[in-house]
């Protein structure tokens, strides 16, 4: 027994090698992927799914396969097994793709790979899995007349009838059973699901966006109030868990478009490093945990988290594929975080500051889309995968974003004249220095977008950018002067 490809075994040359598809040849499950794709076409088909089940498993799979044409070149193949199969093919061995997935999809995969001599799959009447697959292979090749590569407990009946077993991404318990049977010839061990993969899948680094909930605390000068900080902290945790739940849903819906993207293809779901059922369970757990924590917050905060969940789910399912609607939705999601901070702590926001937030976040949302288009243009791609933009939309998107940023600066200047500012600051005239600082920062952001050197998410970029940190320090110093300064800004009316 060996791990991975072994040297040629001439005794196997005349024995057909039958290979499972889901979880074995590919690091995913075609039925789950097909159902995920159905959500992109609306919920009409999903509402029919219960009626399809009345036709049995095979009929259900055929209904999905008839509606979804999967792209076989984009699937996450197990490259170790694929290399082994190609070597076996070069030796002249007969390869058979035997799968419980619908034959329509199986034939598409076989045509793409060009290594299989025969395809056996579910046909709309018979679900070719477990005992049914074992019987079909015995009828075709005889008892012990074939070798079989599979991955899980459903393959046990087939392995019992096979001459040799090849375990691919199988659990330790499954491998132990095969060793006891005495026919385990090859093993391709699974990659363990590590914490790093989970952290990447839930996009924990995106939680930095949720620090926006603390903005009302900062602007109200309540950073030293332990009770208010605790409420802000609970809001941060709740919104972070709920956001990660939706990120998993988003990646599930975007499987195919992510695989076409030069960078997003490495995401855990798109690459097959995270199984779809595991992702669904993790998403449900995170959402339940986030909602449970939110119940300790005021009712208005719970409502805002509900609005956030509905909006971000709608964004993941269909709004992100609408021109401009996606950008305005992103701006709303940013603004909701700020509103949540105010609702959780009881610190009401000034309408002027809310307007400033809306224009700023709109500019950053346009920035995110413009930076993506700039990078895709460098890759000589015509359109953004999973989005309704073409690369030549870059200038229009950029113009809208720059305009929104400068409008934010105008609103900020007007906000500085409000009664709210005069009550909070002893020397509010100093705050006027923040306006040119903000204009410099937003202008530089757009220069970097135009150069194509920014990450797709400007908020994440800002957390790593030294100049952003410098402008933040300068702004903090201006706020201190405005709050505690012993004298006013010279030449400006107090």
Protein backbone atom coordinates (compact mmCIF):
# COMPACT_ATOMS: atom_id res chain seq x y z
CA UNK A 1 0.00 0.00 0.00
CA UNK A 2 1.25 3.48 -0.84
CA UNK A 3 0.21 7.08 -0.34
CA UNK A 4 -0.39 8.73 -3.68
CA UNK A 5 0.79 7.43 -7.07
CA UNK A 6 2.88 4.29 -7.03
CA UNK A 7 5.11 2.69 -9.59
CA UNK A 8 3.48 0.77 -12.41
CA UNK A 9 1.86 -2.49 -11.37
CA UNK A 10 1.72 -4.71 -14.45
CA UNK A 11 -0.77 -7.04 -12.75
CA UNK A 12 -3.37 -4.25 -12.86
CA UNK A 13 -2.95 -3.35 -16.51
CA UNK A 14 -5.86 -5.52 -17.68
CA UNK A 15 -8.18 -4.65 -14.78
CA UNK A 16 -10.47 -1.64 -15.32
CA UNK A 17 -10.14 1.15 -12.79
CA UNK A 18 -13.52 2.64 -11.82
CA UNK A 19 -13.46 6.12 -10.32
CA UNK A 20 -16.06 7.96 -8.26
CA UNK A 21 -16.67 11.62 -9.07
CA UNK A 22 -18.03 13.59 -6.10
CA UNK A 23 -15.51 13.90 -3.29
CA UNK A 24 -13.04 11.72 -5.15
CA UNK A 25 -12.15 13.01 -8.61
CA UNK A 26 -13.34 16.45 -7.61
CA UNK A 27 -13.14 18.06 -4.18
CA UNK A 28 -16.80 18.98 -4.20
CA UNK A 29 -20.28 17.60 -4.90
CA UNK A 30 -21.99 18.38 -8.19
CA UNK A 31 -25.51 18.19 -6.78
CA UNK A 32 -24.74 20.79 -4.12
CA UNK A 33 -23.08 22.97 -6.73
CA UNK A 34 -26.06 22.64 -9.03
CA UNK A 35 -28.48 23.66 -6.28
CA UNK A 36 -26.27 26.65 -5.47
CA UNK A 37 -26.34 27.67 -9.13
CA UNK A 38 -30.13 27.49 -9.15
CA UNK A 39 -30.28 30.36 -6.67
CA UNK A 40 -28.64 32.62 -9.25
CA UNK A 41 -31.58 32.09 -11.58
CA UNK A 42 -34.13 33.01 -8.92
CA UNK A 43 -36.05 30.96 -6.41
CA UNK A 44 -38.66 29.59 -8.81
CA UNK A 45 -36.71 26.40 -9.46
CA UNK A 46 -35.91 25.91 -5.78
CA UNK A 47 -39.64 26.07 -4.96
CA UNK A 48 -40.13 23.18 -7.40
CA UNK A 49 -37.44 21.08 -5.71
CA UNK A 50 -39.85 19.31 -3.31
CA UNK A 51 -41.90 18.15 -6.30
CA UNK A 52 -38.76 16.87 -8.01
CA UNK A 53 -38.03 14.73 -4.95
CA UNK A 54 -41.23 12.80 -5.66
CA UNK A 55 -39.36 11.33 -8.63
CA UNK A 56 -36.72 9.83 -6.35
CA UNK A 57 -33.05 10.73 -6.01
CA UNK A 58 -32.23 9.96 -9.63
CA UNK A 59 -35.19 11.98 -10.90
CA UNK A 60 -34.29 14.87 -8.64
CA UNK A 61 -30.70 14.91 -9.93
CA UNK A 62 -31.89 14.79 -13.53
CA UNK A 63 -34.20 17.77 -12.99
CA UNK A 64 -31.29 19.82 -11.61
CA UNK A 65 -28.89 18.62 -14.34
CA UNK A 66 -31.37 19.58 -17.07
CA UNK A 67 -31.42 23.14 -15.74
CA UNK A 68 -27.77 23.69 -14.83
CA UNK A 69 -24.88 23.30 -17.27
CA UNK A 70 -21.81 23.08 -15.07
CA UNK A 71 -18.46 24.14 -16.51
CA UNK A 72 -16.16 21.10 -16.06
CA UNK A 73 -12.96 23.07 -16.65
CA UNK A 74 -13.68 25.12 -13.51
CA UNK A 75 -14.21 22.22 -11.10
CA UNK A 76 -11.74 21.66 -8.22
CA UNK A 77 -10.13 18.39 -9.29
CA UNK A 78 -7.96 16.37 -6.93
CA UNK A 79 -4.72 16.85 -8.82
CA UNK A 80 -2.99 13.95 -7.05
CA UNK A 81 -5.60 11.48 -8.24
CA UNK A 82 -5.78 13.06 -11.68
CA UNK A 83 -2.02 12.61 -12.13
CA UNK A 84 -2.30 8.98 -11.01
CA UNK A 85 -5.16 8.32 -13.45
CA UNK A 86 -3.26 9.81 -16.36
CA UNK A 87 -0.30 7.57 -15.62
CA UNK A 88 -2.62 4.56 -15.51
CA UNK A 89 -4.15 5.67 -18.81
CA UNK A 90 -0.68 5.94 -20.39
CA UNK A 91 -0.08 2.32 -19.34
CA UNK A 92 -3.10 1.36 -21.39
CA UNK A 93 -5.45 0.80 -18.49
CA UNK A 94 -9.20 1.14 -19.02
CA UNK A 95 -10.67 3.96 -16.91
CA UNK A 96 -14.35 4.14 -16.02
CA UNK A 97 -16.08 7.14 -14.42
CA UNK A 98 -18.73 5.58 -12.16
CA UNK A 99 -20.74 8.14 -10.21
CA UNK A 100 -24.03 8.75 -8.47
CA UNK A 101 -24.12 12.19 -10.09
CA UNK A 102 -26.34 12.53 -13.12
CA UNK A 103 -24.89 11.10 -16.31
CA UNK A 104 -25.29 14.46 -18.09
CA UNK A 105 -22.76 16.03 -15.77
CA UNK A 106 -20.53 12.93 -15.66
CA UNK A 107 -20.24 12.85 -19.45
CA UNK A 108 -19.38 16.54 -19.48
CA UNK A 109 -16.52 15.92 -17.03
CA UNK A 110 -15.31 12.88 -18.97
CA UNK A 111 -15.33 14.82 -22.24
CA UNK A 112 -13.26 17.58 -20.67
CA UNK A 113 -10.64 15.29 -19.12
CA UNK A 114 -10.37 12.94 -22.14
CA UNK A 115 -9.04 10.02 -20.07
CA UNK A 116 -12.14 7.93 -19.43
CA UNK A 117 -13.16 5.09 -21.72
CA UNK A 118 -16.63 4.71 -20.25
CA UNK A 119 -19.11 6.66 -18.14
CA UNK A 120 -21.65 5.22 -15.74
CA UNK A 121 -23.98 7.57 -13.86
CA UNK A 122 -27.50 8.16 -12.58
CA UNK A 123 -29.95 8.27 -15.48
CA UNK A 124 -33.05 9.85 -14.02
CA UNK A 125 -34.46 6.48 -13.02
CA UNK A 126 -31.66 4.66 -11.21
CA UNK A 127 -29.52 6.44 -8.64
CA UNK A 128 -26.09 4.90 -9.21
CA UNK A 129 -24.80 5.03 -5.67
CA UNK A 130 -23.97 2.53 -2.94
CA UNK A 131 -25.46 -0.92 -3.52
CA UNK A 132 -26.82 0.08 -6.95
CA UNK A 133 -23.35 1.08 -8.12
CA UNK A 134 -21.86 -2.13 -6.73
CA UNK A 135 -24.41 -4.25 -8.62
CA UNK A 136 -23.90 -2.31 -11.84
CA UNK A 137 -20.11 -2.69 -11.72
CA UNK A 138 -20.32 -6.41 -10.89
CA UNK A 139 -22.72 -6.93 -13.83
CA UNK A 140 -20.35 -5.02 -16.08
CA UNK A 141 -16.97 -6.38 -14.94
CA UNK A 142 -17.68 -9.29 -12.61
CA UNK A 143 -17.08 -9.78 -8.90
CA UNK A 144 -13.51 -8.70 -8.09
CA UNK A 145 -13.10 -7.79 -11.73
CA UNK A 146 -12.37 -4.12 -11.20
CA UNK A 147 -10.51 -1.71 -8.95
CA UNK A 148 -12.40 1.18 -7.42
CA UNK A 149 -11.43 4.67 -6.24
CA UNK A 150 -13.88 6.26 -3.81
CA UNK A 151 -13.99 8.49 -0.78
CA UNK A 152 -16.68 7.65 1.77
CA UNK A 153 -19.05 5.34 3.54
CA UNK A 154 -21.42 5.18 0.54
CA UNK A 155 -18.60 3.53 -1.41
CA UNK A 156 -18.22 0.63 1.06
CA UNK A 157 -20.55 -1.73 -0.87
CA UNK A 158 -18.54 -1.07 -4.04
CA UNK A 159 -15.18 -1.64 -2.36
CA UNK A 160 -16.43 -4.99 -1.04
CA UNK A 161 -16.94 -6.13 -4.62
CA UNK A 162 -13.73 -4.59 -5.97
CA UNK A 163 -10.42 -6.37 -6.39
CA UNK A 164 -8.51 -3.42 -4.95
CA UNK A 165 -9.63 -0.30 -3.15
CA UNK A 166 -8.23 3.19 -3.64
CA UNK A 167 -9.18 5.60 -0.86
CA UNK A 168 -9.27 9.26 -1.86
CA UNK A 169 -9.91 11.91 0.79
CA UNK A 170 -11.40 9.19 2.99
CA UNK A 171 -11.84 9.48 6.75
CA UNK A 172 -9.52 7.50 9.08
CA UNK A 173 -12.46 5.25 10.02
CA UNK A 174 -13.09 4.42 6.35
CA UNK A 175 -9.42 3.63 5.77
CA UNK A 176 -9.37 1.42 8.87
CA UNK A 177 -12.32 -0.59 7.54
CA UNK A 178 -10.59 -1.02 4.18
CA UNK A 179 -7.41 -2.25 5.87
CA UNK A 180 -9.44 -4.80 7.77
CA UNK A 181 -10.96 -5.97 4.48
CA UNK A 182 -7.41 -6.38 3.17
CA UNK A 183 -7.85 -4.74 -0.24
CA UNK A 184 -6.61 -1.17 0.38
CA UNK A 185 -4.00 -0.66 -2.32
CA UNK A 186 -3.72 3.12 -2.60
CA UNK A 187 -4.57 6.08 -0.39
CA UNK A 188 -4.68 9.76 -1.11
CA UNK A 189 -5.19 11.22 2.39
CA UNK A 190 -7.42 14.28 2.83
CA UNK A 191 -6.02 17.66 3.73
CA UNK A 192 -7.12 18.40 7.32
CA UNK A 193 -9.63 21.18 7.78
CA UNK A 194 -7.44 23.57 9.73
CA UNK A 195 -8.25 26.73 11.61
CA UNK A 196 -6.51 28.75 8.90
CA UNK A 197 -8.97 27.49 6.29
CA UNK A 198 -11.97 28.28 8.51
CA UNK A 199 -10.67 31.77 9.30
CA UNK A 200 -10.18 32.41 5.60
CA UNK A 201 -13.62 31.06 4.74
CA UNK A 202 -15.44 33.29 7.24
CA UNK A 203 -13.24 36.21 6.14
CA UNK A 204 -12.27 37.16 9.67
CA UNK A 205 -9.99 39.88 8.28
CA UNK A 206 -13.12 41.61 6.97
CA UNK A 207 -14.27 42.12 10.54
CA UNK A 208 -12.21 45.30 10.57
CA UNK A 209 -15.10 46.90 8.66
CA UNK A 210 -17.33 46.28 11.65
CA UNK A 211 -15.22 48.64 13.77
CA UNK A 212 -17.47 51.28 12.21
CA UNK A 213 -19.93 50.53 15.02
CA UNK A 214 -17.57 52.43 17.34
CA UNK A 215 -17.78 55.67 15.34
CA UNK A 216 -20.78 57.03 17.31
CA UNK A 217 -18.83 56.39 20.53
CA UNK A 218 -15.83 58.30 19.20
CA UNK A 219 -17.82 61.25 17.87
CA UNK A 220 -19.78 61.50 21.13
CA UNK A 221 -16.55 61.46 23.21
CA UNK A 222 -17.67 58.36 25.17
CA UNK A 223 -14.53 56.24 24.83
CA UNK A 224 -14.04 56.19 28.60
CA UNK A 225 -17.57 54.99 29.34
CA UNK A 226 -17.22 51.27 30.11
CA UNK A 227 -20.94 50.51 29.72
CA UNK A 228 -21.16 52.15 26.31
CA UNK A 229 -17.95 50.46 25.16
CA UNK A 230 -19.34 47.08 26.26
CA UNK A 231 -22.51 47.67 24.25
CA UNK A 232 -20.42 48.64 21.23
CA UNK A 233 -18.32 45.51 21.70
CA UNK A 234 -21.41 43.27 21.72
CA UNK A 235 -22.66 44.98 18.55
CA UNK A 236 -19.28 44.41 16.93
CA UNK A 237 -19.27 40.69 17.76
CA UNK A 238 -22.89 40.20 16.68
CA UNK A 239 -22.49 41.94 13.32
CA UNK A 240 -19.16 40.17 12.69
CA UNK A 241 -20.64 36.70 13.21
CA UNK A 242 -23.67 37.52 11.06
CA UNK A 243 -21.44 38.97 8.33
CA UNK A 244 -19.26 35.84 8.26
CA UNK A 245 -22.39 33.73 7.94
CA UNK A 246 -23.42 35.64 4.83
CA UNK A 247 -19.87 35.57 3.44
CA UNK A 248 -20.13 31.77 3.36
CA UNK A 249 -23.50 32.01 1.61
CA UNK A 250 -22.03 34.48 -0.86
CA UNK A 251 -19.12 32.18 -1.69
CA UNK A 252 -21.49 29.25 -2.16
CA UNK A 253 -23.61 31.18 -4.65
CA UNK A 254 -20.49 32.53 -6.39
CA UNK A 255 -18.67 29.22 -6.81
CA UNK A 256 -18.35 29.32 -10.58
CA UNK A 257 -17.65 33.05 -10.91
CA UNK A 258 -15.05 32.86 -8.13
CA UNK A 259 -13.28 30.06 -9.99
CA UNK A 260 -13.06 32.29 -13.03
CA UNK A 261 -11.54 35.11 -10.98
CA UNK A 262 -7.72 35.30 -10.90
CA UNK A 263 -7.66 35.76 -7.10
CA UNK A 264 -10.98 34.56 -5.70
CA UNK A 265 -10.38 31.08 -7.09
CA UNK A 266 -8.26 30.36 -4.00
CA UNK A 267 -11.18 30.85 -1.60
CA UNK A 268 -11.84 27.69 0.48
CA UNK A 269 -15.19 26.84 -1.15
CA UNK A 270 -14.09 27.61 -4.71
CA UNK A 271 -10.89 25.58 -4.31
CA UNK A 272 -12.64 22.66 -2.65
CA UNK A 273 -10.71 23.03 0.60
CA UNK A 274 -14.01 23.48 2.44
CA UNK A 275 -16.87 21.06 1.78
CA UNK A 276 -20.22 22.60 0.88
CA UNK A 277 -22.19 20.82 3.68
CA UNK A 278 -19.58 21.97 6.21
CA UNK A 279 -19.87 25.54 4.94
CA UNK A 280 -23.67 25.45 5.24
CA UNK A 281 -23.55 24.17 8.82
CA UNK A 282 -20.90 26.73 9.73
CA UNK A 283 -22.98 29.52 8.20
CA UNK A 284 -26.07 28.52 10.18
CA UNK A 285 -24.06 28.29 13.40
CA UNK A 286 -22.51 31.73 12.93
CA UNK A 287 -25.85 33.32 12.15
CA UNK A 288 -27.50 31.73 15.19
CA UNK A 289 -24.64 32.87 17.42
CA UNK A 290 -24.73 36.42 16.06
CA UNK A 291 -28.50 36.72 16.49
CA UNK A 292 -28.31 35.27 20.00
CA UNK A 293 -25.75 37.89 21.03
CA UNK A 294 -27.78 40.68 19.42
CA UNK A 295 -30.73 39.88 21.70
CA UNK A 296 -28.79 41.43 24.58
CA UNK A 297 -28.82 44.78 22.73
CA UNK A 298 -31.65 47.35 22.52
CA UNK A 299 -34.57 46.52 20.24
CA UNK A 300 -33.54 49.07 17.61
CA UNK A 301 -30.11 47.44 17.34
CA UNK A 302 -31.71 44.03 16.83
CA UNK A 303 -33.88 45.49 14.07
CA UNK A 304 -30.84 46.97 12.33
CA UNK A 305 -29.04 43.63 12.45
CA UNK A 306 -32.14 42.10 10.88
CA UNK A 307 -32.09 44.75 8.15
CA UNK A 308 -28.38 44.07 7.64
CA UNK A 309 -28.99 40.32 7.26
CA UNK A 310 -31.84 40.80 4.78
CA UNK A 311 -29.91 43.37 2.75
CA UNK A 312 -26.62 41.50 2.62
CA UNK A 313 -28.43 38.24 1.75
CA UNK A 314 -30.24 40.00 -1.09
CA UNK A 315 -26.90 41.44 -2.18
CA UNK A 316 -25.29 37.99 -2.23
CA UNK A 317 -28.16 36.37 -4.14
CA UNK A 318 -28.98 38.94 -6.81
CA UNK A 319 -28.32 42.65 -6.06
CA UNK A 320 -24.58 42.36 -6.70
CA UNK A 321 -25.37 41.44 -10.30
CA UNK A 322 -27.21 44.73 -10.89
CA UNK A 323 -25.27 47.70 -12.27
CA UNK A 324 -24.95 50.51 -9.70
CA UNK A 325 -27.49 48.82 -7.40
CA UNK A 326 -24.61 46.73 -6.05
CA UNK A 327 -22.57 49.83 -5.21
CA UNK A 328 -25.41 51.64 -3.46
CA UNK A 329 -26.18 48.47 -1.50
CA UNK A 330 -22.56 48.26 -0.34
CA UNK A 331 -22.75 51.88 0.76
CA UNK A 332 -25.92 51.10 2.71
CA UNK A 333 -24.26 48.12 4.42
CA UNK A 334 -21.38 50.33 5.55
CA UNK A 335 -23.81 52.95 6.84
CA UNK A 336 -25.86 50.33 8.67
CA UNK A 337 -22.80 49.47 10.73
CA UNK A 338 -22.54 53.07 11.92
CA UNK A 339 -26.26 53.21 12.67
CA UNK A 340 -25.97 49.95 14.59
CA UNK A 341 -23.30 51.50 16.79
CA UNK A 342 -25.62 54.37 17.61
CA UNK A 343 -28.63 52.12 18.28
CA UNK A 344 -26.60 49.73 20.47
CA UNK A 345 -25.19 52.53 22.63
CA UNK A 346 -28.09 54.99 22.57
CA UNK A 347 -25.87 57.66 20.99
CA UNK A 348 -27.85 59.34 18.24
CA UNK A 349 -26.08 60.47 15.08
CA UNK A 350 -26.36 63.95 13.61
CA UNK A 351 -28.13 64.01 10.20
CA UNK A 352 -25.10 65.91 8.86
CA UNK A 353 -22.71 63.21 10.02
CA UNK A 354 -24.99 60.54 8.58
CA UNK A 355 -24.93 62.32 5.22
CA UNK A 356 -21.13 62.53 5.40
CA UNK A 357 -21.01 58.77 6.08
CA UNK A 358 -23.31 57.97 3.17
CA UNK A 359 -21.20 59.90 0.63
CA UNK A 360 -17.93 58.58 2.04
CA UNK A 361 -19.06 54.97 1.94
CA UNK A 362 -20.54 55.44 -1.52
CA UNK A 363 -17.14 56.65 -2.70
CA UNK A 364 -15.44 53.64 -1.10
CA UNK A 365 -18.01 51.28 -2.63
CA UNK A 366 -17.28 52.72 -6.08
CA UNK A 367 -13.61 52.41 -5.19
CA UNK A 368 -14.01 48.68 -4.53
CA UNK A 369 -15.66 48.10 -7.89
CA UNK A 370 -13.22 50.37 -9.78
CA UNK A 371 -10.18 48.64 -8.30
CA UNK A 372 -11.58 45.26 -9.31
CA UNK A 373 -12.18 46.46 -12.87
CA UNK A 374 -8.67 47.91 -13.05
CA UNK A 375 -7.13 44.59 -12.02
CA UNK A 376 -9.30 42.64 -14.45
CA UNK A 377 -8.31 45.04 -17.22
CA UNK A 378 -4.66 44.23 -16.53
CA UNK A 379 -5.56 40.56 -16.85
CA UNK A 380 -7.10 41.37 -20.26
CA UNK A 381 -10.55 40.21 -19.17
CA UNK A 382 -13.61 41.79 -20.79
CA UNK A 383 -16.04 41.60 -17.87
CA UNK A 384 -16.11 41.05 -14.14
CA UNK A 385 -17.11 37.46 -13.29
CA UNK A 386 -20.43 37.39 -11.46
CA UNK A 387 -20.93 41.14 -11.90
CA UNK A 388 -22.74 43.26 -14.48
CA UNK A 389 -19.72 45.41 -15.34
CA UNK A 390 -17.36 45.48 -18.27
CA UNK A 391 -13.77 46.64 -17.94
CA UNK A 392 -14.50 49.72 -20.05
CA UNK A 393 -16.92 50.87 -17.32
CA UNK A 394 -13.86 51.72 -15.23
CA UNK A 395 -13.80 55.45 -16.06
CA UNK A 396 -17.51 55.92 -15.34
CA UNK A 397 -17.27 54.10 -12.03
CA UNK A 398 -14.17 56.08 -11.14
CA UNK A 399 -15.86 59.41 -11.93
CA UNK A 400 -18.87 58.54 -9.75
CA UNK A 401 -16.59 57.54 -6.88
CA UNK A 402 -14.44 60.67 -6.98
CA UNK A 403 -17.54 62.87 -7.11
CA UNK A 404 -19.04 61.08 -4.10
CA UNK A 405 -15.81 61.56 -2.14
CA UNK A 406 -15.72 65.30 -2.76
CA UNK A 407 -19.40 65.62 -1.91
CA UNK A 408 -18.55 63.96 1.41
CA UNK A 409 -15.94 66.67 2.01
CA UNK A 410 -18.53 69.39 1.35
CA UNK A 411 -21.01 67.77 3.76
CA UNK A 412 -18.22 67.49 6.34
CA UNK A 413 -17.57 71.23 6.04
CA UNK A 414 -21.27 71.95 6.55
CA UNK A 415 -21.43 69.53 9.48
CA UNK A 416 -18.67 71.45 11.23
CA UNK A 417 -21.05 74.44 11.43
CA UNK A 418 -23.77 72.47 13.22
CA UNK A 419 -24.86 73.07 16.81
CA UNK A 420 -23.86 69.48 17.66
CA UNK A 421 -20.22 70.23 16.90
CA UNK A 422 -20.30 73.49 18.85
CA UNK A 423 -21.60 71.66 21.93
CA UNK A 424 -18.98 68.91 21.81
CA UNK A 425 -15.86 70.97 21.12
CA UNK A 426 -14.38 73.88 23.04
CA UNK A 427 -12.53 75.18 19.96
CA UNK A 428 -14.44 73.77 16.95
CA UNK A 429 -12.59 75.99 14.45
CA UNK A 430 -9.65 73.57 14.60
CA UNK A 431 -11.88 70.94 12.98
CA UNK A 432 -11.65 72.78 9.69
CA UNK A 433 -8.15 71.32 9.30
CA UNK A 434 -9.76 67.87 8.98
CA UNK A 435 -11.38 68.89 5.69
CA UNK A 436 -8.11 69.20 3.70
CA UNK A 437 -6.77 66.09 5.44
CA UNK A 438 -9.84 64.14 4.30
CA UNK A 439 -9.62 65.59 0.79
CA UNK A 440 -5.98 64.51 0.58
CA UNK A 441 -6.81 60.99 1.78
CA UNK A 442 -9.77 60.39 -0.53
CA UNK A 443 -7.88 61.88 -3.50
CA UNK A 444 -4.88 59.64 -2.85
CA UNK A 445 -7.15 56.60 -2.61
CA UNK A 446 -8.46 57.31 -6.10
CA UNK A 447 -5.00 57.94 -7.50
CA UNK A 448 -3.99 54.47 -6.25
CA UNK A 449 -7.15 52.97 -7.75
CA UNK A 450 -6.29 54.52 -11.12
CA UNK A 451 -2.78 53.02 -10.88
CA UNK A 452 -4.28 49.61 -10.19
CA UNK A 453 -2.19 49.02 -7.08
CA UNK A 454 -4.96 48.88 -4.47
CA UNK A 455 -6.57 45.80 -2.98
CA UNK A 456 -10.15 45.32 -4.10
CA UNK A 457 -11.48 46.35 -0.70
CA UNK A 458 -10.44 49.92 0.21
CA UNK A 459 -11.30 49.47 3.91
CA UNK A 460 -8.92 46.55 4.24
CA UNK A 461 -6.33 48.48 2.26
CA UNK A 462 -6.65 51.42 4.65
CA UNK A 463 -5.87 49.21 7.66
CA UNK A 464 -2.48 48.33 6.14
CA UNK A 465 -1.64 51.68 4.53
CA UNK A 466 0.94 53.79 6.38
CA UNK A 467 -0.30 57.05 4.89
CA UNK A 468 -3.83 56.26 6.07
CA UNK A 469 -2.52 55.68 9.57
CA UNK A 470 -0.59 58.98 9.38
CA UNK A 471 -3.71 60.89 8.34
CA UNK A 472 -5.59 59.20 11.18
CA UNK A 473 -2.96 60.37 13.67
CA UNK A 474 -3.11 63.92 12.27
CA UNK A 475 -6.92 63.88 12.47
CA UNK A 476 -6.77 62.62 16.07
CA UNK A 477 -4.40 65.48 16.95
CA UNK A 478 -6.81 67.98 15.40
CA UNK A 479 -9.68 66.51 17.43
CA UNK A 480 -7.62 66.88 20.62
CA UNK A 481 -6.91 70.52 19.80
CA UNK A 482 -10.59 71.14 19.09
CA UNK A 483 -11.59 69.48 22.38
CA UNK A 484 -8.95 70.72 24.78
CA UNK A 485 -7.12 73.49 22.90
CA UNK A 486 -6.45 76.58 25.08
CA UNK A 487 -6.89 78.89 22.09
CA UNK A 488 -8.83 78.99 18.85
CA UNK A 489 -7.51 78.50 15.32
CA UNK A 490 -5.94 81.89 14.44
CA UNK A 491 -7.83 83.88 11.83
CA UNK A 492 -11.03 81.81 12.05
CA UNK A 493 -14.21 82.85 13.81
CA UNK A 494 -14.70 80.74 16.97
